Amino acid sequence: MGIDINLVKKLREITGLSISECKKALIEANGDIEKAQEILKKYGAKVAGKKADRETKEGKIGIFTKDGKVVIIELNSETDFVANNEEFNNLLEKIGNIAIENDVNSAEELLSIQTSEGSVKDLINEAIGKIKENIVLKTVKTIKYDPSKEVIGEYLHMGKIAGVVVLETEKVDDDKVKDLAKKLAIQVASMNVEKISKEDYTEEELNALKEDILKDPVFEGKPDHVKEKILENKLNAIFEEKCLLEQELIMDEQYKVKEYIDKVAKEVGVSIKVKEVVKVSLGS
């Protein structure tokens, strides 16, 4: 049957797919544009199924904040070229906005959320049909906070690394506190932060660290008091590497992070406590 080119153009505007794909769907749907959209959705799912085994080592991370909630989304693609594609970035923005409006804590939960355009999984499949490259929603992390007594610091580096920090304080609107939160978010994104404080290690974790350290040949033949000192120094080195408060502040290396927090707290005249830190790195 003959299909009105204006109808084809309209379907193309709605779906973003090629003229030929839209025309084929309209022919199959006997000119019914709504049926044609359903056909194209099934087409997107079919394309997604064929590409599901392809590796997705590239992509982009987004941070979305609203009403006491921060959501970090990692959306993966096969190539960096697609990760910088407008269609891909619009998809990331759309998924992030859906996530921030819903209470989700995993990629599986978010994929099942229904919208007026279908599920989030459907949206991704449609994008795969347009872009012709595998796309995977890998990471969804939700951080909830109380804006009346907590301050959020967030930092996104090149769309590849995200750092988020939650500070507890009495002065949530103070510019110095907000600046501190931002600096700490940069710290988290830039460094290997596994714990907030060395006090956060459990006894079991500490014992495991000690056992691993004691395997070092440097302890052989040393008297006990020397072994204890070496062990203490090596533990402190681990804390300085992996504990946020023990690290040097990369924005001002004359301070350790805990010293800089104390400095700002004194200037502002309130207590400041790091409540939570979250880091997401592309592909990790």
C-alpha atoms as a PDB file:
ATOM      1  CA  MET A   1       0.000   0.000   0.000  1.00  0.00           C
ATOM      2  CA  GLY A   2       1.065   3.621  -0.523  1.00  0.00           C
ATOM      3  CA  ILE A   3       1.986   5.540   2.616  1.00  0.00           C
ATOM      4  CA  ASP A   4       1.682   9.321   2.948  1.00  0.00           C
ATOM      5  CA  ILE A   5       5.218  10.724   3.316  1.00  0.00           C
ATOM      6  CA  ASN A   6       3.921  13.228   5.908  1.00  0.00           C
ATOM      7  CA  LEU A   7       2.789  10.308   8.070  1.00  0.00           C
ATOM      8  CA  VAL A   8       6.230   8.741   7.713  1.00  0.00           C
ATOM      9  CA  LYS A   9       7.864  12.030   8.744  1.00  0.00           C
ATOM     10  CA  LYS A  10       5.555  12.318  11.755  1.00  0.00           C
ATOM     11  CA  LEU A  11       6.451   8.812  12.931  1.00  0.00           C
ATOM     12  CA  ARG A  12      10.126   9.608  12.425  1.00  0.00           C
ATOM     13  CA  GLU A  13       9.763  12.730  14.625  1.00  0.00           C
ATOM     14  CA  ILE A  14       8.117  10.625  17.336  1.00  0.00           C
ATOM     15  CA  THR A  15      10.552   7.703  17.284  1.00  0.00           C
ATOM     16  CA  GLY A  16      13.788   9.138  15.920  1.00  0.00           C
ATOM     17  CA  LEU A  17      14.177   6.105  13.642  1.00  0.00           C
ATOM     18  CA  SER A  18      15.044   6.217   9.960  1.00  0.00           C
ATOM     19  CA  ILE A  19      12.589   7.021   7.168  1.00  0.00           C
ATOM     20  CA  SER A  20      12.866   3.476   5.812  1.00  0.00           C
ATOM     21  CA  GLU A  21      12.183   1.873   9.223  1.00  0.00           C
ATOM     22  CA  CYS A  22       9.188   4.139   9.837  1.00  0.00           C
ATOM     23  CA  LYS A  23       7.772   3.499   6.357  1.00  0.00           C
ATOM     24  CA  LYS A  24       8.147  -0.273   6.778  1.00  0.00           C
ATOM     25  CA  ALA A  25       6.353  -0.157  10.164  1.00  0.00           C
ATOM     26  CA  LEU A  26       3.497   1.950   8.748  1.00  0.00           C
ATOM     27  CA  ILE A  27       3.033  -0.444   5.836  1.00  0.00           C
ATOM     28  CA  GLU A  28       2.875  -3.365   8.290  1.00  0.00           C
ATOM     29  CA  ALA A  29       0.383  -1.394  10.421  1.00  0.00           C
ATOM     30  CA  ASN A  30      -1.767  -0.467   7.422  1.00  0.00           C
ATOM     31  CA  GLY A  31      -1.135   3.224   8.038  1.00  0.00           C
ATOM     32  CA  ASP A  32      -2.095   3.167  11.762  1.00  0.00           C
ATOM     33  CA  ILE A  33       0.591   5.301  13.429  1.00  0.00           C
ATOM     34  CA  GLU A  34      -0.078   3.942  16.949  1.00  0.00           C
ATOM     35  CA  LYS A  35       0.238   0.351  15.751  1.00  0.00           C
ATOM     36  CA  ALA A  36       3.386   1.360  13.877  1.00  0.00           C
ATOM     37  CA  GLN A  37       4.894   2.680  17.122  1.00  0.00           C
ATOM     38  CA  GLU A  38       4.197  -0.665  18.792  1.00  0.00           C
ATOM     39  CA  ILE A  39       5.832  -2.455  15.877  1.00  0.00           C
ATOM     40  CA  LEU A  40       8.905  -0.253  16.211  1.00  0.00           C
ATOM     41  CA  LYS A  41       9.069  -0.931  19.979  1.00  0.00           C
ATOM     42  CA  LYS A  42       9.142  -4.655  19.240  1.00  0.00           C
ATOM     43  CA  TYR A  43      11.801  -3.960  16.634  1.00  0.00           C
ATOM     44  CA  GLY A  44      13.911  -2.167  19.270  1.00  0.00           C
ATOM     45  CA  ALA A  45      13.554  -5.115  21.655  1.00  0.00           C
ATOM     46  CA  LYS A  46      14.596  -7.503  18.860  1.00  0.00           C
ATOM     47  CA  VAL A  47      17.682  -5.434  18.055  1.00  0.00           C
ATOM     48  CA  ALA A  48      18.513  -5.242  21.788  1.00  0.00           C
ATOM     49  CA  GLY A  49      18.285  -9.027  22.048  1.00  0.00           C
ATOM     50  CA  LYS A  50      20.747  -9.474  19.192  1.00  0.00           C
ATOM     51  CA  LYS A  51      23.242  -7.064  20.754  1.00  0.00           C
ATOM     52  CA  ALA A  52      22.856  -8.188  24.384  1.00  0.00           C
ATOM     53  CA  ASP A  53      26.109 -10.171  24.400  1.00  0.00           C
ATOM     54  CA  ARG A  54      28.246  -7.268  23.207  1.00  0.00           C
ATOM     55  CA  GLU A  55      30.611  -5.759  25.777  1.00  0.00           C
ATOM     56  CA  THR A  56      29.743  -2.313  27.136  1.00  0.00           C
ATOM     57  CA  LYS A  57      32.962  -0.883  28.562  1.00  0.00           C
ATOM     58  CA  GLU A  58      32.193   2.762  27.804  1.00  0.00           C
ATOM     59  CA  GLY A  59      29.301   4.995  28.810  1.00  0.00           C
ATOM     60  CA  LYS A  60      28.509   7.833  31.153  1.00  0.00           C
ATOM     61  CA  ILE A  61      27.564   8.543  34.768  1.00  0.00           C
ATOM     62  CA  GLY A  62      24.940  11.071  35.835  1.00  0.00           C
ATOM     63  CA  ILE A  63      24.090  12.596  39.232  1.00  0.00           C
ATOM     64  CA  PHE A  64      20.491  13.662  39.870  1.00  0.00           C
ATOM     65  CA  THR A  65      19.381  15.572  42.990  1.00  0.00           C
ATOM     66  CA  LYS A  66      15.909  16.520  44.240  1.00  0.00           C
ATOM     67  CA  ASP A  67      14.018  16.848  47.541  1.00  0.00           C
ATOM     68  CA  GLY A  68      16.463  15.124  49.880  1.00  0.00           C
ATOM     69  CA  LYS A  69      17.535  12.467  47.414  1.00  0.00           C
ATOM     70  CA  VAL A  70      20.583  11.949  45.205  1.00  0.00           C
ATOM     71  CA  VAL A  71      20.651   9.234  42.555  1.00  0.00           C
ATOM     72  CA  ILE A  72      23.804   8.173  40.711  1.00  0.00           C
ATOM     73  CA  ILE A  73      23.169   6.433  37.389  1.00  0.00           C
ATOM     74  CA  GLU A  74      25.767   4.552  35.329  1.00  0.00           C
ATOM     75  CA  LEU A  75      24.651   3.851  31.778  1.00  0.00           C
ATOM     76  CA  ASN A  76      27.065   1.785  29.670  1.00  0.00           C
ATOM     77  CA  SER A  77      27.622   1.693  25.911  1.00  0.00           C
ATOM     78  CA  GLU A  78      29.948  -0.150  23.569  1.00  0.00           C
ATOM     79  CA  THR A  79      31.883   2.935  22.463  1.00  0.00           C
ATOM     80  CA  ASP A  80      32.826   6.346  23.796  1.00  0.00           C
ATOM     81  CA  PHE A  81      31.493   7.823  20.556  1.00  0.00           C
ATOM     82  CA  VAL A  82      27.967   6.708  21.477  1.00  0.00           C
ATOM     83  CA  ALA A  83      28.435   7.822  25.102  1.00  0.00           C
ATOM     84  CA  ASN A  84      28.838  11.356  23.740  1.00  0.00           C
ATOM     85  CA  ASN A  85      25.891  10.986  21.358  1.00  0.00           C
ATOM     86  CA  GLU A  86      22.918  13.321  22.007  1.00  0.00           C
ATOM     87  CA  GLU A  87      20.461  10.416  21.880  1.00  0.00           C
ATOM     88  CA  PHE A  88      22.433   8.533  24.551  1.00  0.00           C
ATOM     89  CA  ASN A  89      22.716  11.569  26.807  1.00  0.00           C
ATOM     90  CA  ASN A  90      19.005  12.323  26.474  1.00  0.00           C
ATOM     91  CA  LEU A  91      18.326   8.728  27.509  1.00  0.00           C
ATOM     92  CA  LEU A  92      20.583   9.075  30.569  1.00  0.00           C
ATOM     93  CA  GLU A  93      18.800  12.313  31.533  1.00  0.00           C
ATOM     94  CA  LYS A  94      15.381  10.710  31.097  1.00  0.00           C
ATOM     95  CA  ILE A  95      16.314   7.644  33.159  1.00  0.00           C
ATOM     96  CA  GLY A  96      17.850   9.840  35.871  1.00  0.00           C
ATOM     97  CA  ASN A  97      14.689  11.928  36.149  1.00  0.00           C
ATOM     98  CA  ILE A  98      12.568   8.777  36.387  1.00  0.00           C
ATOM     99  CA  ALA A  99      14.869   7.423  39.104  1.00  0.00           C
ATOM    100  CA  ILE A 100      14.735  10.610  41.182  1.00  0.00           C
ATOM    101  CA  GLU A 101      10.925  10.514  41.117  1.00  0.00           C
ATOM    102  CA  ASN A 102      10.800   6.903  42.332  1.00  0.00           C
ATOM    103  CA  ASP A 103      12.210   4.995  45.279  1.00  0.00           C
ATOM    104  CA  VAL A 104      14.717   2.716  43.546  1.00  0.00           C
ATOM    105  CA  ASN A 105      17.885   1.108  44.873  1.00  0.00           C
ATOM    106  CA  SER A 106      19.025  -1.085  42.001  1.00  0.00           C
ATOM    107  CA  ALA A 107      19.197  -1.221  38.224  1.00  0.00           C
ATOM    108  CA  GLU A 108      16.688  -4.100  38.253  1.00  0.00           C
ATOM    109  CA  GLU A 109      14.110  -1.990  40.112  1.00  0.00           C
ATOM    110  CA  LEU A 110      14.585   0.988  37.809  1.00  0.00           C
ATOM    111  CA  LEU A 111      14.302  -1.102  34.630  1.00  0.00           C
ATOM    112  CA  SER A 112      10.828  -2.240  35.702  1.00  0.00           C
ATOM    113  CA  ILE A 113       9.467   1.268  36.404  1.00  0.00           C
ATOM    114  CA  GLN A 114       6.586   2.063  34.051  1.00  0.00           C
ATOM    115  CA  THR A 115       6.230   5.413  32.270  1.00  0.00           C
ATOM    116  CA  SER A 116       3.805   6.781  29.686  1.00  0.00           C
ATOM    117  CA  GLU A 117       6.275   5.521  27.057  1.00  0.00           C
ATOM    118  CA  GLY A 118       6.600   2.034  28.517  1.00  0.00           C
ATOM    119  CA  SER A 119       9.090   0.650  31.039  1.00  0.00           C
ATOM    120  CA  VAL A 120      12.606   1.991  31.469  1.00  0.00           C
ATOM    121  CA  LYS A 121      13.770  -1.234  29.838  1.00  0.00           C
ATOM    122  CA  ASP A 122      11.564  -0.391  26.834  1.00  0.00           C
ATOM    123  CA  LEU A 123      13.153   3.078  26.624  1.00  0.00           C
ATOM    124  CA  ILE A 124      16.618   1.523  26.539  1.00  0.00           C
ATOM    125  CA  ASN A 125      15.568  -1.018  23.917  1.00  0.00           C
ATOM    126  CA  GLU A 126      14.166   1.784  21.741  1.00  0.00           C
ATOM    127  CA  ALA A 127      17.467   3.647  22.048  1.00  0.00           C
ATOM    128  CA  ILE A 128      19.363   0.495  21.070  1.00  0.00           C
ATOM    129  CA  GLY A 129      17.138   0.231  17.994  1.00  0.00           C
ATOM    130  CA  LYS A 130      18.042   3.804  17.005  1.00  0.00           C
ATOM    131  CA  ILE A 131      21.729   3.811  17.931  1.00  0.00           C
ATOM    132  CA  LYS A 132      22.420   0.212  16.819  1.00  0.00           C
ATOM    133  CA  GLU A 133      24.718  -0.389  19.783  1.00  0.00           C
ATOM    134  CA  ASN A 134      24.232  -2.294  23.046  1.00  0.00           C
ATOM    135  CA  ILE A 135      23.279  -0.129  26.050  1.00  0.00           C
ATOM    136  CA  VAL A 136      23.190  -1.423  29.626  1.00  0.00           C
ATOM    137  CA  LEU A 137      21.918   0.212  32.804  1.00  0.00           C
ATOM    138  CA  LYS A 138      24.622  -0.987  35.197  1.00  0.00           C
ATOM    139  CA  THR A 139      24.545   1.044  38.414  1.00  0.00           C
ATOM    140  CA  VAL A 140      21.832   2.816  40.375  1.00  0.00           C
ATOM    141  CA  LYS A 141      22.746   4.232  43.791  1.00  0.00           C
ATOM    142  CA  THR A 142      20.300   6.276  45.862  1.00  0.00           C
ATOM    143  CA  ILE A 143      21.427   8.472  48.769  1.00  0.00           C
ATOM    144  CA  LYS A 144      18.754   9.993  51.004  1.00  0.00           C
ATOM    145  CA  TYR A 145      19.459  12.963  53.260  1.00  0.00           C
ATOM    146  CA  ASP A 146      17.659  15.511  55.436  1.00  0.00           C
ATOM    147  CA  PRO A 147      18.138  19.007  53.918  1.00  0.00           C
ATOM    148  CA  SER A 148      17.325  20.597  57.288  1.00  0.00           C
ATOM    149  CA  LYS A 149      20.428  19.161  58.969  1.00  0.00           C
ATOM    150  CA  GLU A 150      22.557  17.631  56.223  1.00  0.00           C
ATOM    151  CA  VAL A 151      24.530  19.057  53.301  1.00  0.00           C
ATOM    152  CA  ILE A 152      25.263  17.238  50.057  1.00  0.00           C
ATOM    153  CA  GLY A 153      28.520  17.610  48.157  1.00  0.00           C
ATOM    154  CA  GLU A 154      28.638  16.147  44.665  1.00  0.00           C
ATOM    155  CA  TYR A 155      31.275  16.001  41.952  1.00  0.00           C
ATOM    156  CA  LEU A 156      31.209  14.445  38.499  1.00  0.00           C
ATOM    157  CA  HIS A 157      34.482  14.125  36.571  1.00  0.00           C
ATOM    158  CA  MET A 158      34.104  13.946  32.775  1.00  0.00           C
ATOM    159  CA  GLY A 159      30.989  11.815  33.195  1.00  0.00           C
ATOM    160  CA  LYS A 160      33.268   8.934  34.254  1.00  0.00           C
ATOM    161  CA  ILE A 161      33.650   9.229  38.056  1.00  0.00           C
ATOM    162  CA  ALA A 162      31.088  10.433  40.598  1.00  0.00           C
ATOM    163  CA  GLY A 163      31.699  11.351  44.229  1.00  0.00           C
ATOM    164  CA  VAL A 164      28.971  12.231  46.730  1.00  0.00           C
ATOM    165  CA  VAL A 165      29.396  13.243  50.378  1.00  0.00           C
ATOM    166  CA  VAL A 166      26.766  13.801  53.077  1.00  0.00           C
ATOM    167  CA  LEU A 167      27.709  16.130  55.963  1.00  0.00           C
ATOM    168  CA  GLU A 168      25.779  16.532  59.201  1.00  0.00           C
ATOM    169  CA  THR A 169      25.797  20.113  60.525  1.00  0.00           C
ATOM    170  CA  GLU A 170      23.615  22.782  62.144  1.00  0.00           C
ATOM    171  CA  LYS A 171      24.343  25.350  59.406  1.00  0.00           C
ATOM    172  CA  VAL A 172      23.248  23.784  56.147  1.00  0.00           C
ATOM    173  CA  ASP A 173      23.107  27.118  54.298  1.00  0.00           C
ATOM    174  CA  ASP A 174      26.605  28.283  55.210  1.00  0.00           C
ATOM    175  CA  ASP A 175      28.783  28.804  52.127  1.00  0.00           C
ATOM    176  CA  LYS A 176      31.903  27.485  53.884  1.00  0.00           C
ATOM    177  CA  VAL A 177      30.111  24.245  54.740  1.00  0.00           C
ATOM    178  CA  LYS A 178      28.875  23.901  51.148  1.00  0.00           C
ATOM    179  CA  ASP A 179      32.397  24.542  49.862  1.00  0.00           C
ATOM    180  CA  LEU A 180      33.733  21.894  52.248  1.00  0.00           C
ATOM    181  CA  ALA A 181      31.157  19.390  50.987  1.00  0.00           C
ATOM    182  CA  LYS A 182      32.218  20.081  47.403  1.00  0.00           C
ATOM    183  CA  LYS A 183      35.920  19.653  48.223  1.00  0.00           C
ATOM    184  CA  LEU A 184      35.236  16.367  49.979  1.00  0.00           C
ATOM    185  CA  ALA A 185      33.182  15.113  47.014  1.00  0.00           C
ATOM    186  CA  ILE A 186      36.190  15.855  44.784  1.00  0.00           C
ATOM    187  CA  GLN A 187      38.378  13.998  47.286  1.00  0.00           C
ATOM    188  CA  VAL A 188      36.116  10.936  47.198  1.00  0.00           C
ATOM    189  CA  ALA A 189      35.979  10.938  43.392  1.00  0.00           C
ATOM    190  CA  SER A 190      39.765  11.317  43.098  1.00  0.00           C
ATOM    191  CA  MET A 191      41.015   8.954  45.800  1.00  0.00           C
ATOM    192  CA  ASN A 192      40.576   5.364  46.918  1.00  0.00           C
ATOM    193  CA  VAL A 193      38.122   5.881  49.790  1.00  0.00           C
ATOM    194  CA  GLU A 194      36.958   2.641  51.419  1.00  0.00           C
ATOM    195  CA  LYS A 195      36.084   3.963  54.887  1.00  0.00           C
ATOM    196  CA  ILE A 196      35.242   7.352  56.374  1.00  0.00           C
ATOM    197  CA  SER A 197      37.387   6.778  59.461  1.00  0.00           C
ATOM    198  CA  LYS A 198      39.827   4.150  60.674  1.00  0.00           C
ATOM    199  CA  GLU A 199      37.360   3.548  63.499  1.00  0.00           C
ATOM    200  CA  ASP A 200      34.959   2.161  60.901  1.00  0.00           C
ATOM    201  CA  TYR A 201      37.021  -1.017  60.477  1.00  0.00           C
ATOM    202  CA  THR A 202      35.487  -3.968  62.289  1.00  0.00           C
ATOM    203  CA  GLU A 203      37.665  -6.135  64.525  1.00  0.00           C
ATOM    204  CA  GLU A 204      37.438  -8.877  61.904  1.00  0.00           C
ATOM    205  CA  GLU A 205      38.598  -6.523  59.153  1.00  0.00           C
ATOM    206  CA  LEU A 206      41.493  -5.237  61.265  1.00  0.00           C
ATOM    207  CA  ASN A 207      42.621  -8.767  62.079  1.00  0.00           C
ATOM    208  CA  ALA A 208      42.541  -9.656  58.380  1.00  0.00           C
ATOM    209  CA  LEU A 209      44.659  -6.569  57.576  1.00  0.00           C
ATOM    210  CA  LYS A 210      47.181  -7.484  60.276  1.00  0.00           C
ATOM    211  CA  GLU A 211      47.429 -11.085  59.088  1.00  0.00           C
ATOM    212  CA  ASP A 212      48.112  -9.913  55.552  1.00  0.00           C
ATOM    213  CA  ILE A 213      50.730  -7.364  56.690  1.00  0.00           C
ATOM    214  CA  LEU A 214      52.532  -9.924  58.849  1.00  0.00           C
ATOM    215  CA  LYS A 215      53.217 -12.039  55.739  1.00  0.00           C
ATOM    216  CA  ASP A 216      55.786  -9.433  54.692  1.00  0.00           C
ATOM    217  CA  PRO A 217      59.358 -10.847  54.930  1.00  0.00           C
ATOM    218  CA  VAL A 218      60.410  -7.609  56.646  1.00  0.00           C
ATOM    219  CA  PHE A 219      59.164  -9.060  59.961  1.00  0.00           C
ATOM    220  CA  GLU A 220      61.474 -12.075  59.846  1.00  0.00           C
ATOM    221  CA  GLY A 221      64.024 -12.157  62.652  1.00  0.00           C
ATOM    222  CA  LYS A 222      62.806  -8.905  64.226  1.00  0.00           C
ATOM    223  CA  PRO A 223      62.171  -8.638  67.982  1.00  0.00           C
ATOM    224  CA  ASP A 224      58.541  -8.281  69.074  1.00  0.00           C
ATOM    225  CA  HIS A 225      58.711  -4.568  69.916  1.00  0.00           C
ATOM    226  CA  VAL A 226      60.133  -3.822  66.457  1.00  0.00           C
ATOM    227  CA  LYS A 227      57.468  -5.984  64.810  1.00  0.00           C
ATOM    228  CA  GLU A 228      54.767  -4.052  66.680  1.00  0.00           C
ATOM    229  CA  LYS A 229      56.159  -0.736  65.468  1.00  0.00           C
ATOM    230  CA  ILE A 230      56.408  -1.919  61.854  1.00  0.00           C
ATOM    231  CA  LEU A 231      52.855  -3.273  62.046  1.00  0.00           C
ATOM    232  CA  GLU A 232      51.586   0.027  63.447  1.00  0.00           C
ATOM    233  CA  ASN A 233      53.304   2.026  60.698  1.00  0.00           C
ATOM    234  CA  LYS A 234      51.975  -0.205  57.947  1.00  0.00           C
ATOM    235  CA  LEU A 235      48.444  -0.054  59.355  1.00  0.00           C
ATOM    236  CA  ASN A 236      48.633   3.729  59.508  1.00  0.00           C
ATOM    237  CA  ALA A 237      49.793   3.800  55.891  1.00  0.00           C
ATOM    238  CA  ILE A 238      46.701   1.800  54.898  1.00  0.00           C
ATOM    239  CA  PHE A 239      44.451   4.142  56.893  1.00  0.00           C
ATOM    240  CA  GLU A 240      46.027   7.172  55.219  1.00  0.00           C
ATOM    241  CA  GLU A 241      45.406   5.617  51.821  1.00  0.00           C
ATOM    242  CA  LYS A 242      41.877   4.277  52.291  1.00  0.00           C
ATOM    243  CA  CYS A 243      40.205   6.313  55.077  1.00  0.00           C
ATOM    244  CA  LEU A 244      38.822   9.689  54.044  1.00  0.00           C
ATOM    245  CA  LEU A 245      39.556  11.481  57.314  1.00  0.00           C
ATOM    246  CA  GLU A 246      43.174  10.269  57.361  1.00  0.00           C
ATOM    247  CA  GLN A 247      43.976  11.322  53.782  1.00  0.00           C
ATOM    248  CA  GLU A 248      45.762  14.504  52.756  1.00  0.00           C
ATOM    249  CA  LEU A 249      43.265  16.966  51.332  1.00  0.00           C
ATOM    250  CA  ILE A 250      44.075  17.138  47.614  1.00  0.00           C
ATOM    251  CA  MET A 251      42.675  20.683  47.383  1.00  0.00           C
ATOM    252  CA  ASP A 252      45.030  21.866  50.163  1.00  0.00           C
ATOM    253  CA  GLU A 253      47.755  19.339  51.008  1.00  0.00           C
ATOM    254  CA  GLN A 254      48.900  21.119  54.165  1.00  0.00           C
ATOM    255  CA  TYR A 255      45.866  19.565  55.881  1.00  0.00           C
ATOM    256  CA  LYS A 256      44.607  16.099  56.488  1.00  0.00           C
ATOM    257  CA  VAL A 257      40.896  15.865  55.689  1.00  0.00           C
ATOM    258  CA  LYS A 258      39.943  15.609  59.365  1.00  0.00           C
ATOM    259  CA  GLU A 259      42.062  18.671  60.177  1.00  0.00           C
ATOM    260  CA  TYR A 260      40.428  20.694  57.421  1.00  0.00           C
ATOM    261  CA  ILE A 261      36.941  19.692  58.594  1.00  0.00           C
ATOM    262  CA  ASP A 262      37.854  20.803  62.125  1.00  0.00           C
ATOM    263  CA  LYS A 263      39.188  24.108  60.718  1.00  0.00           C
ATOM    264  CA  VAL A 264      35.944  24.850  58.851  1.00  0.00           C
ATOM    265  CA  ALA A 265      33.830  23.769  61.823  1.00  0.00           C
ATOM    266  CA  LYS A 266      35.713  26.188  64.053  1.00  0.00           C
ATOM    267  CA  GLU A 267      35.335  29.049  61.562  1.00  0.00           C
ATOM    268  CA  VAL A 268      31.611  28.447  61.180  1.00  0.00           C
ATOM    269  CA  GLY A 269      31.058  27.712  64.860  1.00  0.00           C
ATOM    270  CA  VAL A 270      29.267  24.391  64.440  1.00  0.00           C
ATOM    271  CA  SER A 271      30.062  20.692  64.496  1.00  0.00           C
ATOM    272  CA  ILE A 272      30.510  18.971  61.122  1.00  0.00           C
ATOM    273  CA  LYS A 273      30.447  15.216  60.680  1.00  0.00           C
ATOM    274  CA  VAL A 274      30.885  13.117  57.536  1.00  0.00           C
ATOM    275  CA  LYS A 275      27.856  10.839  57.532  1.00  0.00           C
ATOM    276  CA  GLU A 276      28.166   9.053  54.180  1.00  0.00           C
ATOM    277  CA  VAL A 277      30.398   8.856  51.114  1.00  0.00           C
ATOM    278  CA  VAL A 278      29.612   7.211  47.774  1.00  0.00           C
ATOM    279  CA  LYS A 279      31.850   6.748  44.747  1.00  0.00           C
ATOM    280  CA  VAL A 280      30.915   5.303  41.362  1.00  0.00           C
ATOM    281  CA  SER A 281      33.528   4.806  38.651  1.00  0.00           C
ATOM    282  CA  LEU A 282      32.627   3.843  35.094  1.00  0.00           C
ATOM    283  CA  GLY A 283      33.112   0.110  34.623  1.00  0.00           C
ATOM    284  CA  SER A 284      34.008  -0.631  38.262  1.00  0.00           C
END
